[in-house]
């Protein structure tokens, strides 16, 4: 596995066309980076690749993002127009876009809870002003005052139960992947 943080990076680039290598097709607009020796690495694929400079377009990474016409998706690592990103928040004088492009967001959002399952679980939802203890953090909340949310598996749509909003968001930030949560646990235990 490549260790990007130890490289003295120079330039970012994106592919002008689809490229086939090592039995995989790397799509147009995939972002890569060069090291101080001119070696090219594709970020998403974590591979070193030999490309002709005619296959790539170099760009200034500091001139990407919500306030520019292009940004790099934090999941597929493609250089895309900002119109490929949904609005996340509208601030007083600006709009913040989601960090993931619309296509990646669909994958992340996965399968929704079926209307039949939602109906069953709606009947089990804590009533307004009832006390609710989150099964993960054990925090006590007042339903209707604090947000209690229905958690589900985004791979298959199956409901896991109700959580406080913070824990549900946390699980979502870890892509519902136990191995990422385990890595977070190891990280926290490093300093104990």
Foldseek 3Di string as FASTA:
>chain_A
DDDVVPFAWDWKKWFCAWDDDPNDIQGGQQMWTAGPVRFIAGDQVRDTDDDDCVGIDTDDQVQAAQVHQWHAAPHRRGIGGLVQFDFDDQDPPGTHTDSHGPVVVPVLQADAADPVRVVVQVVVDDDAQDWDQFPPPRDIDGDPVFDKDWAAQRHPNHTPHIGGPVVSVVCSVQSVDVVSVVVVVVVVVPVD
